[in-house]
Amino acid sequence: MIQKIEAVIDEKVRPALLAHEGDVQVLSCRDGICRIRLTGKCAGCPSARITTEELIAEEIRNALPEVKDVVLVQAVSEELQDLARRILNHEQI
C-alpha cells in the first residue's frame, strides 16, 4: 500500500511541495489511515493542515479509494530534542 501511495505522491503531490522547498514522508498506512509528515519548509508552515487536506489527502483518496483518511503527524524529531537539550545544558554543539 505504501508503494502505491508513494507513486501518487511522486506524480501528483511532490512537485508542488518541492516548489516550496518542502516534501512529504509517508510514516505508515494501516486500516485505510495513512500517516504522513511534512518536511523541509513545509514542516512548520501555517498552511500545513490545509496542504494536507486539500492537496495530499485529496490526491491520495482520488487515486486510492481504499485510503479513508490522511493524518498529518507534527512531532518534533528526536534529533531536534537532543540539540535543544545540549543548548539548554550549555553543552558544546
PDB file of N, CA and C in Angstrom:
ATOM      1  N   MET A   1       0.822  -1.199   0.000  1.00  0.00           N
ATOM      2  CA  MET A   1       0.000   0.000   0.000  1.00  0.00           C
ATOM      3  C   MET A   1       0.867   1.265   0.000  1.00  0.00           C
ATOM      4  N   ILE A   2       1.931   1.267   0.809  1.00  0.00           N
ATOM      5  CA  ILE A   2       2.781   2.454   0.890  1.00  0.00           C
ATOM      6  C   ILE A   2       3.409   2.759  -0.470  1.00  0.00           C
ATOM      7  N   GLN A   3       3.764   1.716  -1.222  1.00  0.00           N
ATOM      8  CA  GLN A   3       4.344   1.942  -2.555  1.00  0.00           C
ATOM      9  C   GLN A   3       3.346   2.626  -3.487  1.00  0.00           C
ATOM     10  N   LYS A   4       2.087   2.246  -3.398  1.00  0.00           N
ATOM     11  CA  LYS A   4       1.051   2.882  -4.215  1.00  0.00           C
ATOM     12  C   LYS A   4       0.881   4.347  -3.815  1.00  0.00           C
ATOM     13  N   ILE A   5       0.879   4.596  -2.510  1.00  0.00           N
ATOM     14  CA  ILE A   5       0.748   5.965  -2.011  1.00  0.00           C
ATOM     15  C   ILE A   5       1.939   6.804  -2.461  1.00  0.00           C
ATOM     16  N   GLU A   6       3.134   6.245  -2.351  1.00  0.00           N
ATOM     17  CA  GLU A   6       4.342   6.958  -2.785  1.00  0.00           C
ATOM     18  C   GLU A   6       4.275   7.296  -4.273  1.00  0.00           C
ATOM     19  N   ALA A   7       3.743   6.389  -5.075  1.00  0.00           N
ATOM     20  CA  ALA A   7       3.623   6.641  -6.513  1.00  0.00           C
ATOM     21  C   ALA A   7       2.695   7.822  -6.787  1.00  0.00           C
ATOM     22  N   VAL A   8       1.581   7.885  -6.067  1.00  0.00           N
ATOM     23  CA  VAL A   8       0.647   9.006  -6.210  1.00  0.00           C
ATOM     24  C   VAL A   8       1.327  10.299  -5.772  1.00  0.00           C
ATOM     25  N   ILE A   9       2.011  10.246  -4.651  1.00  0.00           N
ATOM     26  CA  ILE A   9       2.707  11.428  -4.144  1.00  0.00           C
ATOM     27  C   ILE A   9       3.756  11.901  -5.145  1.00  0.00           C
ATOM     28  N   ASP A  10       4.536  10.964  -5.679  1.00  0.00           N
ATOM     29  CA  ASP A  10       5.580  11.328  -6.649  1.00  0.00           C
ATOM     30  C   ASP A  10       4.999  12.043  -7.865  1.00  0.00           C
ATOM     31  N   GLU A  11       3.856  11.563  -8.319  1.00  0.00           N
ATOM     32  CA  GLU A  11       3.269  12.123  -9.535  1.00  0.00           C
ATOM     33  C   GLU A  11       2.456  13.390  -9.288  1.00  0.00           C
ATOM     34  N   LYS A  12       1.650  13.396  -8.232  1.00  0.00           N
ATOM     35  CA  LYS A  12       0.656  14.459  -8.061  1.00  0.00           C
ATOM     36  C   LYS A  12       0.980  15.488  -6.974  1.00  0.00           C
ATOM     37  N   VAL A  13       1.756  15.110  -5.973  1.00  0.00           N
ATOM     38  CA  VAL A  13       1.927  15.960  -4.793  1.00  0.00           C
ATOM     39  C   VAL A  13       3.331  16.539  -4.673  1.00  0.00           C
ATOM     40  N   ARG A  14       4.314  15.675  -4.768  1.00  0.00           N
ATOM     41  CA  ARG A  14       5.701  16.083  -4.502  1.00  0.00           C
ATOM     42  C   ARG A  14       6.157  17.285  -5.338  1.00  0.00           C
ATOM     43  N   PRO A  15       5.823  17.363  -6.632  1.00  0.00           N
ATOM     44  CA  PRO A  15       6.267  18.538  -7.403  1.00  0.00           C
ATOM     45  C   PRO A  15       5.798  19.869  -6.793  1.00  0.00           C
ATOM     46  N   ALA A  16       4.580  19.914  -6.301  1.00  0.00           N
ATOM     47  CA  ALA A  16       4.070  21.146  -5.684  1.00  0.00           C
ATOM     48  C   ALA A  16       4.807  21.461  -4.388  1.00  0.00           C
ATOM     49  N   LEU A  17       5.079  20.437  -3.587  1.00  0.00           N
ATOM     50  CA  LEU A  17       5.792  20.656  -2.327  1.00  0.00           C
ATOM     51  C   LEU A  17       7.233  21.076  -2.576  1.00  0.00           C
ATOM     52  N   LEU A  18       7.888  20.436  -3.541  1.00  0.00           N
ATOM     53  CA  LEU A  18       9.277  20.779  -3.850  1.00  0.00           C
ATOM     54  C   LEU A  18       9.401  22.215  -4.346  1.00  0.00           C
ATOM     55  N   ALA A  19       8.373  22.720  -5.000  1.00  0.00           N
ATOM     56  CA  ALA A  19       8.373  24.111  -5.458  1.00  0.00           C
ATOM     57  C   ALA A  19       8.422  25.083  -4.282  1.00  0.00           C
ATOM     58  N   HIS A  20       8.018  24.615  -3.114  1.00  0.00           N
ATOM     59  CA  HIS A  20       8.047  25.420  -1.885  1.00  0.00           C
ATOM     60  C   HIS A  20       9.162  24.967  -0.949  1.00  0.00           C
ATOM     61  N   GLU A  21      10.113  24.205  -1.491  1.00  0.00           N
ATOM     62  CA  GLU A  21      11.251  23.676  -0.733  1.00  0.00           C
ATOM     63  C   GLU A  21      10.815  22.760   0.411  1.00  0.00           C
ATOM     64  N   GLY A  22       9.762  22.004   0.170  1.00  0.00           N
ATOM     65  CA  GLY A  22       9.271  21.050   1.157  1.00  0.00           C
ATOM     66  C   GLY A  22       9.141  19.671   0.551  1.00  0.00           C
ATOM     67  N   ASP A  23       8.674  18.752   1.360  1.00  0.00           N
ATOM     68  CA  ASP A  23       8.465  17.379   0.902  1.00  0.00           C
ATOM     69  C   ASP A  23       7.509  16.699   1.875  1.00  0.00           C
ATOM     70  N   VAL A  24       7.193  15.456   1.587  1.00  0.00           N
ATOM     71  CA  VAL A  24       6.304  14.677   2.447  1.00  0.00           C
ATOM     72  C   VAL A  24       6.899  13.293   2.630  1.00  0.00           C
ATOM     73  N   GLN A  25       6.728  12.761   3.815  1.00  0.00           N
ATOM     74  CA  GLN A  25       7.207  11.418   4.148  1.00  0.00           C
ATOM     75  C   GLN A  25       6.011  10.603   4.620  1.00  0.00           C
ATOM     76  N   VAL A  26       5.827   9.427   4.039  1.00  0.00           N
ATOM     77  CA  VAL A  26       4.764   8.523   4.476  1.00  0.00           C
ATOM     78  C   VAL A  26       5.311   7.716   5.648  1.00  0.00           C
ATOM     79  N   LEU A  27       4.678   7.852   6.802  1.00  0.00           N
ATOM     80  CA  LEU A  27       5.127   7.161   8.008  1.00  0.00           C
ATOM     81  C   LEU A  27       4.532   5.765   8.111  1.00  0.00           C
ATOM     82  N   SER A  28       3.237   5.656   7.830  1.00  0.00           N
ATOM     83  CA  SER A  28       2.576   4.355   7.922  1.00  0.00           C
ATOM     84  C   SER A  28       1.235   4.422   7.213  1.00  0.00           C
ATOM     85  N   CYS A  29       0.698   3.259   6.941  1.00  0.00           N
ATOM     86  CA  CYS A  29      -0.646   3.160   6.388  1.00  0.00           C
ATOM     87  C   CYS A  29      -1.242   1.855   6.891  1.00  0.00           C
ATOM     88  N   ARG A  30      -2.293   1.992   7.685  1.00  0.00           N
ATOM     89  CA  ARG A  30      -2.928   0.809   8.267  1.00  0.00           C
ATOM     90  C   ARG A  30      -4.434   1.053   8.364  1.00  0.00           C
ATOM     91  N   ASP A  31      -5.190   0.056   7.995  1.00  0.00           N
ATOM     92  CA  ASP A  31      -6.653   0.113   8.071  1.00  0.00           C
ATOM     93  C   ASP A  31      -7.228   1.339   7.360  1.00  0.00           C
ATOM     94  N   GLY A  32      -6.619   1.706   6.234  1.00  0.00           N
ATOM     95  CA  GLY A  32      -7.120   2.830   5.456  1.00  0.00           C
ATOM     96  C   GLY A  32      -6.721   4.197   5.969  1.00  0.00           C
ATOM     97  N   ILE A  33      -5.911   4.241   7.006  1.00  0.00           N
ATOM     98  CA  ILE A  33      -5.450   5.508   7.575  1.00  0.00           C
ATOM     99  C   ILE A  33      -3.966   5.666   7.252  1.00  0.00           C
ATOM    100  N   CYS A  34      -3.649   6.724   6.539  1.00  0.00           N
ATOM    101  CA  CYS A  34      -2.271   6.999   6.141  1.00  0.00           C
ATOM    102  C   CYS A  34      -1.728   8.135   7.014  1.00  0.00           C
ATOM    103  N   ARG A  35      -0.596   7.891   7.640  1.00  0.00           N
ATOM    104  CA  ARG A  35       0.044   8.914   8.486  1.00  0.00           C
ATOM    105  C   ARG A  35       1.244   9.479   7.733  1.00  0.00           C
ATOM    106  N   ILE A  36       1.296  10.816   7.645  1.00  0.00           N
ATOM    107  CA  ILE A  36       2.372  11.473   6.912  1.00  0.00           C
ATOM    108  C   ILE A  36       3.037  12.541   7.775  1.00  0.00           C
ATOM    109  N   ARG A  37       4.222  12.936   7.344  1.00  0.00           N
ATOM    110  CA  ARG A  37       4.932  14.050   7.976  1.00  0.00           C
ATOM    111  C   ARG A  37       5.416  14.953   6.850  1.00  0.00           C
ATOM    112  N   LEU A  38       5.198  16.251   7.006  1.00  0.00           N
ATOM    113  CA  LEU A  38       5.743  17.208   6.057  1.00  0.00           C
ATOM    114  C   LEU A  38       7.155  17.555   6.501  1.00  0.00           C
ATOM    115  N   THR A  39       8.054  17.739   5.533  1.00  0.00           N
ATOM    116  CA  THR A  39       9.444  18.041   5.841  1.00  0.00           C
ATOM    117  C   THR A  39       9.875  19.303   5.093  1.00  0.00           C
ATOM    118  N   GLY A  40      11.101  19.731   5.353  1.00  0.00           N
ATOM    119  CA  GLY A  40      11.606  20.942   4.725  1.00  0.00           C
ATOM    120  C   GLY A  40      10.816  22.145   5.197  1.00  0.00           C
ATOM    121  N   LYS A  41      10.640  23.116   4.315  1.00  0.00           N
ATOM    122  CA  LYS A  41       9.923  24.335   4.699  1.00  0.00           C
ATOM    123  C   LYS A  41       8.440  24.094   4.934  1.00  0.00           C
ATOM    124  N   CYS A  42       7.928  22.967   4.485  1.00  0.00           N
ATOM    125  CA  CYS A  42       6.512  22.650   4.712  1.00  0.00           C
ATOM    126  C   CYS A  42       6.256  22.182   6.146  1.00  0.00           C
ATOM    127  N   ALA A  43       7.305  21.753   6.842  1.00  0.00           N
ATOM    128  CA  ALA A  43       7.142  21.154   8.170  1.00  0.00           C
ATOM    129  C   ALA A  43       6.487  22.094   9.168  1.00  0.00           C
ATOM    130  N   GLY A  44       6.912  23.319   9.227  1.00  0.00           N
ATOM    131  CA  GLY A  44       6.360  24.239  10.219  1.00  0.00           C
ATOM    132  C   GLY A  44       5.440  25.278   9.621  1.00  0.00           C
ATOM    133  N   CYS A  45       5.048  25.074   8.399  1.00  0.00           N
ATOM    134  CA  CYS A  45       4.235  26.059   7.691  1.00  0.00           C
ATOM    135  C   CYS A  45       2.836  26.169   8.305  1.00  0.00           C
ATOM    136  N   PRO A  46       2.334  27.397   8.453  1.00  0.00           N
ATOM    137  CA  PRO A  46       0.971  27.572   8.972  1.00  0.00           C
ATOM    138  C   PRO A  46      -0.095  26.922   8.083  1.00  0.00           C
ATOM    139  N   SER A  47       0.228  26.699   6.826  1.00  0.00           N
ATOM    140  CA  SER A  47      -0.733  26.087   5.898  1.00  0.00           C
ATOM    141  C   SER A  47      -0.584  24.573   5.796  1.00  0.00           C
ATOM    142  N   ALA A  48       0.177  23.964   6.687  1.00  0.00           N
ATOM    143  CA  ALA A  48       0.444  22.525   6.610  1.00  0.00           C
ATOM    144  C   ALA A  48      -0.839  21.697   6.629  1.00  0.00           C
ATOM    145  N   ARG A  49      -1.772  22.055   7.485  1.00  0.00           N
ATOM    146  CA  ARG A  49      -3.018  21.294   7.566  1.00  0.00           C
ATOM    147  C   ARG A  49      -3.854  21.438   6.294  1.00  0.00           C
ATOM    148  N   ILE A  50      -3.903  22.648   5.779  1.00  0.00           N
ATOM    149  CA  ILE A  50      -4.653  22.880   4.542  1.00  0.00           C
ATOM    150  C   ILE A  50      -4.010  22.116   3.390  1.00  0.00           C
ATOM    151  N   THR A  51      -2.680  22.149   3.320  1.00  0.00           N
ATOM    152  CA  THR A  51      -1.959  21.407   2.285  1.00  0.00           C
ATOM    153  C   THR A  51      -2.265  19.921   2.392  1.00  0.00           C
ATOM    154  N   THR A  52      -2.287  19.418   3.618  1.00  0.00           N
ATOM    155  CA  THR A  52      -2.574  18.001   3.827  1.00  0.00           C
ATOM    156  C   THR A  52      -3.984  17.661   3.364  1.00  0.00           C
ATOM    157  N   GLU A  53      -4.957  18.465   3.774  1.00  0.00           N
ATOM    158  CA  GLU A  53      -6.353  18.166   3.457  1.00  0.00           C
ATOM    159  C   GLU A  53      -6.695  18.400   1.987  1.00  0.00           C
ATOM    160  N   GLU A  54      -6.276  19.555   1.456  1.00  0.00           N
ATOM    161  CA  GLU A  54      -6.734  19.948   0.125  1.00  0.00           C
ATOM    162  C   GLU A  54      -5.848  19.463  -1.019  1.00  0.00           C
ATOM    163  N   LEU A  55      -4.618  19.093  -0.731  1.00  0.00           N
ATOM    164  CA  LEU A  55      -3.742  18.595  -1.791  1.00  0.00           C
ATOM    165  C   LEU A  55      -3.422  17.120  -1.586  1.00  0.00           C
ATOM    166  N   ILE A  56      -2.751  16.818  -0.499  1.00  0.00           N
ATOM    167  CA  ILE A  56      -2.226  15.468  -0.301  1.00  0.00           C
ATOM    168  C   ILE A  56      -3.349  14.446  -0.134  1.00  0.00           C
ATOM    169  N   ALA A  57      -4.231  14.674   0.830  1.00  0.00           N
ATOM    170  CA  ALA A  57      -5.307  13.709   1.096  1.00  0.00           C
ATOM    171  C   ALA A  57      -6.227  13.563  -0.110  1.00  0.00           C
ATOM    172  N   GLU A  58      -6.545  14.672  -0.737  1.00  0.00           N
ATOM    173  CA  GLU A  58      -7.449  14.620  -1.886  1.00  0.00           C
ATOM    174  C   GLU A  58      -6.856  13.797  -3.028  1.00  0.00           C
ATOM    175  N   GLU A  59      -5.590  14.022  -3.343  1.00  0.00           N
ATOM    176  CA  GLU A  59      -4.948  13.278  -4.438  1.00  0.00           C
ATOM    177  C   GLU A  59      -4.844  11.788  -4.111  1.00  0.00           C
ATOM    178  N   ILE A  60      -4.478  11.486  -2.873  1.00  0.00           N
ATOM    179  CA  ILE A  60      -4.343  10.076  -2.481  1.00  0.00           C
ATOM    180  C   ILE A  60      -5.694   9.376  -2.515  1.00  0.00           C
ATOM    181  N   ARG A  61      -6.722  10.001  -1.940  1.00  0.00           N
ATOM    182  CA  ARG A  61      -8.051   9.374  -1.919  1.00  0.00           C
ATOM    183  C   ARG A  61      -8.644   9.238  -3.320  1.00  0.00           C
ATOM    184  N   ASN A  62      -8.393  10.208  -4.192  1.00  0.00           N
ATOM    185  CA  ASN A  62      -8.887  10.106  -5.575  1.00  0.00           C
ATOM    186  C   ASN A  62      -8.259   8.922  -6.299  1.00  0.00           C
ATOM    187  N   ALA A  63      -6.977   8.710  -6.075  1.00  0.00           N
ATOM    188  CA  ALA A  63      -6.273   7.625  -6.762  1.00  0.00           C
ATOM    189  C   ALA A  63      -6.467   6.275  -6.083  1.00  0.00           C
ATOM    190  N   LEU A  64      -6.619   6.301  -4.761  1.00  0.00           N
ATOM    191  CA  LEU A  64      -6.708   5.063  -3.974  1.00  0.00           C
ATOM    192  C   LEU A  64      -7.897   5.153  -3.016  1.00  0.00           C
ATOM    193  N   PRO A  65      -9.091   4.794  -3.468  1.00  0.00           N
ATOM    194  CA  PRO A  65     -10.289   4.910  -2.638  1.00  0.00           C
ATOM    195  C   PRO A  65     -10.226   4.105  -1.343  1.00  0.00           C
ATOM    196  N   GLU A  66      -9.336   3.108  -1.288  1.00  0.00           N
ATOM    197  CA  GLU A  66      -9.213   2.323  -0.058  1.00  0.00           C
ATOM    198  C   GLU A  66      -8.579   3.123   1.079  1.00  0.00           C
ATOM    199  N   VAL A  67      -7.960   4.258   0.750  1.00  0.00           N
ATOM    200  CA  VAL A  67      -7.422   5.143   1.788  1.00  0.00           C
ATOM    201  C   VAL A  67      -8.565   6.031   2.258  1.00  0.00           C
ATOM    202  N   LYS A  68      -8.933   5.879   3.530  1.00  0.00           N
ATOM    203  CA  LYS A  68     -10.068   6.612   4.093  1.00  0.00           C
ATOM    204  C   LYS A  68      -9.669   7.981   4.616  1.00  0.00           C
ATOM    205  N   ASP A  69      -8.450   8.080   5.159  1.00  0.00           N
ATOM    206  CA  ASP A  69      -8.024   9.345   5.758  1.00  0.00           C
ATOM    207  C   ASP A  69      -6.509   9.475   5.680  1.00  0.00           C
ATOM    208  N   VAL A  70      -6.049  10.705   5.632  1.00  0.00           N
ATOM    209  CA  VAL A  70      -4.624  11.024   5.675  1.00  0.00           C
ATOM    210  C   VAL A  70      -4.423  11.937   6.872  1.00  0.00           C
ATOM    211  N   VAL A  71      -3.572  11.505   7.789  1.00  0.00           N
ATOM    212  CA  VAL A  71      -3.364  12.223   9.048  1.00  0.00           C
ATOM    213  C   VAL A  71      -1.974  12.837   9.055  1.00  0.00           C
ATOM    214  N   LEU A  72      -1.914  14.124   9.335  1.00  0.00           N
ATOM    215  CA  LEU A  72      -0.642  14.833   9.436  1.00  0.00           C
ATOM    216  C   LEU A  72      -0.082  14.667  10.838  1.00  0.00           C
ATOM    217  N   VAL A  73       1.132  14.148  10.929  1.00  0.00           N
ATOM    218  CA  VAL A  73       1.827  13.988  12.207  1.00  0.00           C
ATOM    219  C   VAL A  73       2.823  15.130  12.316  1.00  0.00           C
ATOM    220  N   GLN A  74       2.686  15.922  13.349  1.00  0.00           N
ATOM    221  CA  GLN A  74       3.584  17.055  13.552  1.00  0.00           C
ATOM    222  C   GLN A  74       4.339  16.868  14.859  1.00  0.00           C
ATOM    223  N   ALA A  75       5.285  15.976  14.833  1.00  0.00           N
ATOM    224  CA  ALA A  75       6.078  15.684  16.027  1.00  0.00           C
ATOM    225  C   ALA A  75       7.471  16.274  15.870  1.00  0.00           C
ATOM    226  N   VAL A  76       8.080  16.592  16.986  1.00  0.00           N
ATOM    227  CA  VAL A  76       9.451  17.084  16.985  1.00  0.00           C
ATOM    228  C   VAL A  76      10.374  15.871  16.940  1.00  0.00           C
ATOM    229  N   SER A  77      11.355  15.911  16.053  1.00  0.00           N
ATOM    230  CA  SER A  77      12.264  14.776  15.901  1.00  0.00           C
ATOM    231  C   SER A  77      13.147  14.614  17.134  1.00  0.00           C
ATOM    232  N   GLU A  78      13.585  13.397  17.356  1.00  0.00           N
ATOM    233  CA  GLU A  78      14.483  13.102  18.479  1.00  0.00           C
ATOM    234  C   GLU A  78      15.785  13.885  18.334  1.00  0.00           C
ATOM    235  N   GLU A  79      16.248  14.029  17.109  1.00  0.00           N
ATOM    236  CA  GLU A  79      17.484  14.784  16.849  1.00  0.00           C
ATOM    237  C   GLU A  79      17.345  16.237  17.299  1.00  0.00           C
ATOM    238  N   LEU A  80      16.218  16.857  17.000  1.00  0.00           N
ATOM    239  CA  LEU A  80      15.990  18.238  17.412  1.00  0.00           C
ATOM    240  C   LEU A  80      15.865  18.343  18.927  1.00  0.00           C
ATOM    241  N   GLN A  81      15.222  17.375  19.550  1.00  0.00           N
ATOM    242  CA  GLN A  81      15.113  17.373  21.009  1.00  0.00           C
ATOM    243  C   GLN A  81      16.490  17.253  21.657  1.00  0.00           C
ATOM    244  N   ASP A  82      17.357  16.402  21.112  1.00  0.00           N
ATOM    245  CA  ASP A  82      18.717  16.263  21.640  1.00  0.00           C
ATOM    246  C   ASP A  82      19.494  17.563  21.505  1.00  0.00           C
ATOM    247  N   LEU A  83      19.358  18.230  20.371  1.00  0.00           N
ATOM    248  CA  LEU A  83      20.034  19.507  20.163  1.00  0.00           C
ATOM    249  C   LEU A  83      19.549  20.537  21.182  1.00  0.00           C
ATOM    250  N   ALA A  84      18.252  20.598  21.402  1.00  0.00           N
ATOM    251  CA  ALA A  84      17.701  21.537  22.382  1.00  0.00           C
ATOM    252  C   ALA A  84      18.226  21.243  23.782  1.00  0.00           C
ATOM    253  N   ARG A  85      18.313  19.970  24.146  1.00  0.00           N
ATOM    254  CA  ARG A  85      18.855  19.612  25.466  1.00  0.00           C
ATOM    255  C   ARG A  85      20.297  20.082  25.615  1.00  0.00           C
ATOM    256  N   ARG A  86      21.102  19.877  24.565  1.00  0.00           N
ATOM    257  CA  ARG A  86      22.507  20.297  24.626  1.00  0.00           C
ATOM    258  C   ARG A  86      22.617  21.815  24.767  1.00  0.00           C
ATOM    259  N   ILE A  87      21.787  22.539  24.046  1.00  0.00           N
ATOM    260  CA  ILE A  87      21.802  24.004  24.149  1.00  0.00           C
ATOM    261  C   ILE A  87      21.399  24.442  25.548  1.00  0.00           C
ATOM    262  N   LEU A  88      20.328  23.880  26.066  1.00  0.00           N
ATOM    263  CA  LEU A  88      19.843  24.262  27.394  1.00  0.00           C
ATOM    264  C   LEU A  88      20.812  23.882  28.503  1.00  0.00           C
ATOM    265  N   ASN A  89      21.590  22.830  28.289  1.00  0.00           N
ATOM    266  CA  ASN A  89      22.586  22.402  29.277  1.00  0.00           C
ATOM    267  C   ASN A  89      23.952  23.052  29.033  1.00  0.00           C
ATOM    268  N   HIS A  90      23.976  24.022  28.111  1.00  0.00           N
ATOM    269  CA  HIS A  90      25.205  24.762  27.792  1.00  0.00           C
ATOM    270  C   HIS A  90      26.335  23.838  27.373  1.00  0.00           C
ATOM    271  N   GLU A  91      25.995  22.773  26.660  1.00  0.00           N
ATOM    272  CA  GLU A  91      26.997  21.849  26.148  1.00  0.00           C
ATOM    273  C   GLU A  91      27.472  22.337  24.789  1.00  0.00           C
ATOM    274  N   GLN A  92      28.667  21.912  24.421  1.00  0.00           N
ATOM    275  CA  GLN A  92      29.203  22.289  23.123  1.00  0.00           C
ATOM    276  C   GLN A  92      28.431  21.570  22.022  1.00  0.00           C
ATOM    277  N   ILE A  93      28.144  22.303  20.971  1.00  0.00           N
ATOM    278  CA  ILE A  93      27.351  21.747  19.869  1.00  0.00           C
ATOM    279  C   ILE A  93      28.257  21.337  18.736  1.00  0.00           C
TER     280      ILE A  93
END
